[in-house]
Amino acid sequence: MTTDAVARLREQVRRLERRSLPHSHADTLPTGHSAVDDHLGGGLKTGSLHDFLISDC
């Protein structure tokens, strides 16, 4: 394996490891609903896709 290939693999591993690290409150967007924000650890995680299901009730 070449040095460039190893460097690319290391960078991919670093990116994957960063995703699994706990995020800080700077990485969240508060919803304005304290119960939801508390449950989510400060709000919605930025840089992520979120899906909302709304009840018809």
PDB file of N, CA and C in Angstrom:
ATOM      1  N   MET A   1       0.846  -1.168   0.000  1.00  0.00           N
ATOM      2  CA  MET A   1       0.000   0.000   0.000  1.00  0.00           C
ATOM      3  C   MET A   1       0.894   1.234   0.000  1.00  0.00           C
ATOM      4  N   THR A   2       0.524   2.230  -0.791  1.00  0.00           N
ATOM      5  CA  THR A   2       1.353   3.431  -0.877  1.00  0.00           C
ATOM      6  C   THR A   2       1.103   4.363   0.305  1.00  0.00           C
ATOM      7  N   THR A   3       2.030   5.288   0.482  1.00  0.00           N
ATOM      8  CA  THR A   3       1.905   6.270   1.562  1.00  0.00           C
ATOM      9  C   THR A   3       0.649   7.114   1.384  1.00  0.00           C
ATOM     10  N   ASP A   4       0.311   7.468   0.144  1.00  0.00           N
ATOM     11  CA  ASP A   4      -0.897   8.263  -0.118  1.00  0.00           C
ATOM     12  C   ASP A   4      -2.157   7.489   0.258  1.00  0.00           C
ATOM     13  N   ALA A   5      -2.202   6.216  -0.044  1.00  0.00           N
ATOM     14  CA  ALA A   5      -3.364   5.402   0.288  1.00  0.00           C
ATOM     15  C   ALA A   5      -3.540   5.301   1.802  1.00  0.00           C
ATOM     16  N   VAL A   6      -2.447   5.128   2.523  1.00  0.00           N
ATOM     17  CA  VAL A   6      -2.506   5.052   3.989  1.00  0.00           C
ATOM     18  C   VAL A   6      -2.984   6.391   4.557  1.00  0.00           C
ATOM     19  N   ALA A   7      -2.505   7.496   4.025  1.00  0.00           N
ATOM     20  CA  ALA A   7      -2.918   8.818   4.489  1.00  0.00           C
ATOM     21  C   ALA A   7      -4.409   9.039   4.254  1.00  0.00           C
ATOM     22  N   ARG A   8      -4.903   8.599   3.093  1.00  0.00           N
ATOM     23  CA  ARG A   8      -6.343   8.727   2.807  1.00  0.00           C
ATOM     24  C   ARG A   8      -7.164   7.883   3.765  1.00  0.00           C
ATOM     25  N   LEU A   9      -6.722   6.670   4.042  1.00  0.00           N
ATOM     26  CA  LEU A   9      -7.431   5.806   4.985  1.00  0.00           C
ATOM     27  C   LEU A   9      -7.438   6.408   6.387  1.00  0.00           C
ATOM     28  N   ARG A  10      -6.322   6.954   6.812  1.00  0.00           N
ATOM     29  CA  ARG A  10      -6.260   7.585   8.134  1.00  0.00           C
ATOM     30  C   ARG A  10      -7.237   8.754   8.229  1.00  0.00           C
ATOM     31  N   GLU A  11      -7.319   9.555   7.178  1.00  0.00           N
ATOM     32  CA  GLU A  11      -8.245  10.690   7.172  1.00  0.00           C
ATOM     33  C   GLU A  11      -9.699  10.201   7.216  1.00  0.00           C
ATOM     34  N   GLN A  12     -10.010   9.136   6.516  1.00  0.00           N
ATOM     35  CA  GLN A  12     -11.364   8.578   6.563  1.00  0.00           C
ATOM     36  C   GLN A  12     -11.696   8.090   7.970  1.00  0.00           C
ATOM     37  N   VAL A  13     -10.756   7.443   8.623  1.00  0.00           N
ATOM     38  CA  VAL A  13     -10.968   6.963   9.988  1.00  0.00           C
ATOM     39  C   VAL A  13     -11.178   8.149  10.928  1.00  0.00           C
ATOM     40  N   ARG A  14     -10.386   9.209  10.767  1.00  0.00           N
ATOM     41  CA  ARG A  14     -10.550  10.409  11.611  1.00  0.00           C
ATOM     42  C   ARG A  14     -11.946  10.999  11.460  1.00  0.00           C
ATOM     43  N   ARG A  15     -12.432  11.069  10.214  1.00  0.00           N
ATOM     44  CA  ARG A  15     -13.781  11.610   9.976  1.00  0.00           C
ATOM     45  C   ARG A  15     -14.845  10.743  10.627  1.00  0.00           C
ATOM     46  N   LEU A  16     -14.707   9.428  10.503  1.00  0.00           N
ATOM     47  CA  LEU A  16     -15.679   8.515  11.120  1.00  0.00           C
ATOM     48  C   LEU A  16     -15.651   8.621  12.639  1.00  0.00           C
ATOM     49  N   GLU A  17     -14.472   8.748  13.212  1.00  0.00           N
ATOM     50  CA  GLU A  17     -14.358   8.862  14.668  1.00  0.00           C
ATOM     51  C   GLU A  17     -14.974  10.161  15.164  1.00  0.00           C
ATOM     52  N   ARG A  18     -14.813  11.243  14.426  1.00  0.00           N
ATOM     53  CA  ARG A  18     -15.393  12.528  14.833  1.00  0.00           C
ATOM     54  C   ARG A  18     -16.907  12.448  14.890  1.00  0.00           C
ATOM     55  N   ARG A  19     -17.525  11.694  13.992  1.00  0.00           N
ATOM     56  CA  ARG A  19     -18.984  11.564  13.984  1.00  0.00           C
ATOM     57  C   ARG A  19     -19.492  10.900  15.250  1.00  0.00           C
ATOM     58  N   SER A  20     -18.716  10.012  15.839  1.00  0.00           N
ATOM     59  CA  SER A  20     -19.176   9.281  17.005  1.00  0.00           C
ATOM     60  C   SER A  20     -18.877  10.007  18.311  1.00  0.00           C
ATOM     61  N   LEU A  21     -18.129  11.122  18.258  1.00  0.00           N
ATOM     62  CA  LEU A  21     -17.832  11.871  19.471  1.00  0.00           C
ATOM     63  C   LEU A  21     -19.070  12.614  19.942  1.00  0.00           C
ATOM     64  N   PRO A  22     -19.252  12.736  21.246  1.00  0.00           N
ATOM     65  CA  PRO A  22     -20.392  13.521  21.728  1.00  0.00           C
ATOM     66  C   PRO A  22     -20.242  14.968  21.266  1.00  0.00           C
ATOM     67  N   HIS A  23     -21.335  15.569  20.847  1.00  0.00           N
ATOM     68  CA  HIS A  23     -21.257  16.938  20.362  1.00  0.00           C
ATOM     69  C   HIS A  23     -21.490  17.927  21.493  1.00  0.00           C
ATOM     70  N   SER A  24     -20.930  19.112  21.332  1.00  0.00           N
ATOM     71  CA  SER A  24     -21.093  20.161  22.333  1.00  0.00           C
ATOM     72  C   SER A  24     -22.355  20.952  22.021  1.00  0.00           C
ATOM     73  N   HIS A  25     -22.744  21.822  22.949  1.00  0.00           N
ATOM     74  CA  HIS A  25     -23.930  22.639  22.724  1.00  0.00           C
ATOM     75  C   HIS A  25     -23.743  23.599  21.562  1.00  0.00           C
ATOM     76  N   ALA A  26     -22.504  23.904  21.177  1.00  0.00           N
ATOM     77  CA  ALA A  26     -22.259  24.762  20.026  1.00  0.00           C
ATOM     78  C   ALA A  26     -22.672  24.063  18.737  1.00  0.00           C
ATOM     79  N   ASP A  27     -22.807  22.753  18.785  1.00  0.00           N
ATOM     80  CA  ASP A  27     -23.193  21.968  17.622  1.00  0.00           C
ATOM     81  C   ASP A  27     -24.689  21.682  17.586  1.00  0.00           C
ATOM     82  N   THR A  28     -25.459  22.409  18.408  1.00  0.00           N
ATOM     83  CA  THR A  28     -26.891  22.166  18.465  1.00  0.00           C
ATOM     84  C   THR A  28     -27.668  23.441  18.191  1.00  0.00           C
ATOM     85  N   LEU A  29     -28.894  23.263  17.749  1.00  0.00           N
ATOM     86  CA  LEU A  29     -29.812  24.362  17.501  1.00  0.00           C
ATOM     87  C   LEU A  29     -31.021  24.148  18.395  1.00  0.00           C
ATOM     88  N   PRO A  30     -31.201  24.986  19.414  1.00  0.00           N
ATOM     89  CA  PRO A  30     -32.340  24.806  20.313  1.00  0.00           C
ATOM     90  C   PRO A  30     -33.667  24.920  19.554  1.00  0.00           C
ATOM     91  N   THR A  31     -34.634  24.114  19.957  1.00  0.00           N
ATOM     92  CA  THR A  31     -35.961  24.152  19.331  1.00  0.00           C
ATOM     93  C   THR A  31     -36.852  25.197  19.965  1.00  0.00           C
ATOM     94  N   GLY A  32     -36.516  25.601  21.197  1.00  0.00           N
ATOM     95  CA  GLY A  32     -37.364  26.532  21.919  1.00  0.00           C
ATOM     96  C   GLY A  32     -38.330  25.835  22.857  1.00  0.00           C
ATOM     97  N   HIS A  33     -38.355  24.507  22.827  1.00  0.00           N
ATOM     98  CA  HIS A  33     -39.191  23.701  23.719  1.00  0.00           C
ATOM     99  C   HIS A  33     -38.254  23.006  24.692  1.00  0.00           C
ATOM    100  N   SER A  34     -38.270  23.450  25.955  1.00  0.00           N
ATOM    101  CA  SER A  34     -37.276  22.982  26.923  1.00  0.00           C
ATOM    102  C   SER A  34     -37.272  21.465  27.099  1.00  0.00           C
ATOM    103  N   ALA A  35     -38.444  20.829  27.106  1.00  0.00           N
ATOM    104  CA  ALA A  35     -38.481  19.370  27.285  1.00  0.00           C
ATOM    105  C   ALA A  35     -37.792  18.663  26.115  1.00  0.00           C
ATOM    106  N   VAL A  36     -38.027  19.137  24.915  1.00  0.00           N
ATOM    107  CA  VAL A  36     -37.408  18.539  23.722  1.00  0.00           C
ATOM    108  C   VAL A  36     -35.907  18.805  23.736  1.00  0.00           C
ATOM    109  N   ASP A  37     -35.524  20.054  23.999  1.00  0.00           N
ATOM    110  CA  ASP A  37     -34.105  20.408  24.025  1.00  0.00           C
ATOM    111  C   ASP A  37     -33.354  19.628  25.096  1.00  0.00           C
ATOM    112  N   ASP A  38     -33.961  19.468  26.285  1.00  0.00           N
ATOM    113  CA  ASP A  38     -33.325  18.687  27.348  1.00  0.00           C
ATOM    114  C   ASP A  38     -33.127  17.239  26.912  1.00  0.00           C
ATOM    115  N   HIS A  39     -34.135  16.661  26.292  1.00  0.00           N
ATOM    116  CA  HIS A  39     -34.048  15.264  25.838  1.00  0.00           C
ATOM    117  C   HIS A  39     -32.969  15.099  24.765  1.00  0.00           C
ATOM    118  N   LEU A  40     -32.816  16.101  23.914  1.00  0.00           N
ATOM    119  CA  LEU A  40     -31.841  16.032  22.816  1.00  0.00           C
ATOM    120  C   LEU A  40     -30.457  16.525  23.214  1.00  0.00           C
ATOM    121  N   GLY A  41     -30.279  16.913  24.476  1.00  0.00           N
ATOM    122  CA  GLY A  41     -28.967  17.396  24.914  1.00  0.00           C
ATOM    123  C   GLY A  41     -28.662  18.802  24.445  1.00  0.00           C
ATOM    124  N   GLY A  42     -29.681  19.625  24.303  1.00  0.00           N
ATOM    125  CA  GLY A  42     -29.468  21.025  23.929  1.00  0.00           C
ATOM    126  C   GLY A  42     -30.222  21.447  22.685  1.00  0.00           C
ATOM    127  N   GLY A  43     -30.699  20.516  21.924  1.00  0.00           N
ATOM    128  CA  GLY A  43     -31.447  20.835  20.702  1.00  0.00           C
ATOM    129  C   GLY A  43     -31.082  19.896  19.573  1.00  0.00           C
ATOM    130  N   LEU A  44     -31.442  20.311  18.381  1.00  0.00           N
ATOM    131  CA  LEU A  44     -31.155  19.506  17.191  1.00  0.00           C
ATOM    132  C   LEU A  44     -29.682  19.610  16.836  1.00  0.00           C
ATOM    133  N   LYS A  45     -29.082  18.508  16.498  1.00  0.00           N
ATOM    134  CA  LYS A  45     -27.670  18.496  16.118  1.00  0.00           C
ATOM    135  C   LYS A  45     -27.525  19.160  14.747  1.00  0.00           C
ATOM    136  N   THR A  46     -26.623  20.134  14.669  1.00  0.00           N
ATOM    137  CA  THR A  46     -26.406  20.807  13.387  1.00  0.00           C
ATOM    138  C   THR A  46     -25.642  19.881  12.445  1.00  0.00           C
ATOM    139  N   GLY A  47     -25.843  20.076  11.174  1.00  0.00           N
ATOM    140  CA  GLY A  47     -25.161  19.257  10.178  1.00  0.00           C
ATOM    141  C   GLY A  47     -25.757  17.881  10.032  1.00  0.00           C
ATOM    142  N   SER A  48     -26.978  17.702  10.535  1.00  0.00           N
ATOM    143  CA  SER A  48     -27.647  16.402  10.468  1.00  0.00           C
ATOM    144  C   SER A  48     -29.040  16.569   9.877  1.00  0.00           C
ATOM    145  N   LEU A  49     -29.549  15.505   9.337  1.00  0.00           N
ATOM    146  CA  LEU A  49     -30.902  15.489   8.798  1.00  0.00           C
ATOM    147  C   LEU A  49     -31.851  15.060   9.900  1.00  0.00           C
ATOM    148  N   HIS A  50     -32.951  15.789  10.060  1.00  0.00           N
ATOM    149  CA  HIS A  50     -33.944  15.478  11.082  1.00  0.00           C
ATOM    150  C   HIS A  50     -35.285  15.249  10.411  1.00  0.00           C
ATOM    151  N   ASP A  51     -36.050  14.324  10.953  1.00  0.00           N
ATOM    152  CA  ASP A  51     -37.356  13.974  10.419  1.00  0.00           C
ATOM    153  C   ASP A  51     -38.389  14.205  11.511  1.00  0.00           C
ATOM    154  N   PHE A  52     -39.488  14.873  11.179  1.00  0.00           N
ATOM    155  CA  PHE A  52     -40.538  15.156  12.157  1.00  0.00           C
ATOM    156  C   PHE A  52     -41.821  14.462  11.724  1.00  0.00           C
ATOM    157  N   LEU A  53     -42.460  13.811  12.662  1.00  0.00           N
ATOM    158  CA  LEU A  53     -43.759  13.198  12.432  1.00  0.00           C
ATOM    159  C   LEU A  53     -44.767  13.947  13.292  1.00  0.00           C
ATOM    160  N   ILE A  54     -45.809  14.471  12.677  1.00  0.00           N
ATOM    161  CA  ILE A  54     -46.799  15.264  13.388  1.00  0.00           C
ATOM    162  C   ILE A  54     -48.086  14.448  13.500  1.00  0.00           C
ATOM    163  N   SER A  55     -48.628  14.388  14.698  1.00  0.00           N
ATOM    164  CA  SER A  55     -49.860  13.656  14.942  1.00  0.00           C
ATOM    165  C   SER A  55     -51.063  14.464  14.425  1.00  0.00           C
ATOM    166  N   ASP A  56     -52.093  13.773  13.964  1.00  0.00           N
ATOM    167  CA  ASP A  56     -53.322  14.426  13.500  1.00  0.00           C
ATOM    168  C   ASP A  56     -54.223  14.831  14.651  1.00  0.00           C
ATOM    169  N   CYS A  57     -53.908  14.423  15.865  1.00  0.00           N
ATOM    170  CA  CYS A  57     -54.782  14.672  17.027  1.00  0.00           C
ATOM    171  C   CYS A  57     -54.912  16.130  17.335  1.00  0.00           C
TER     172      CYS A  57
END
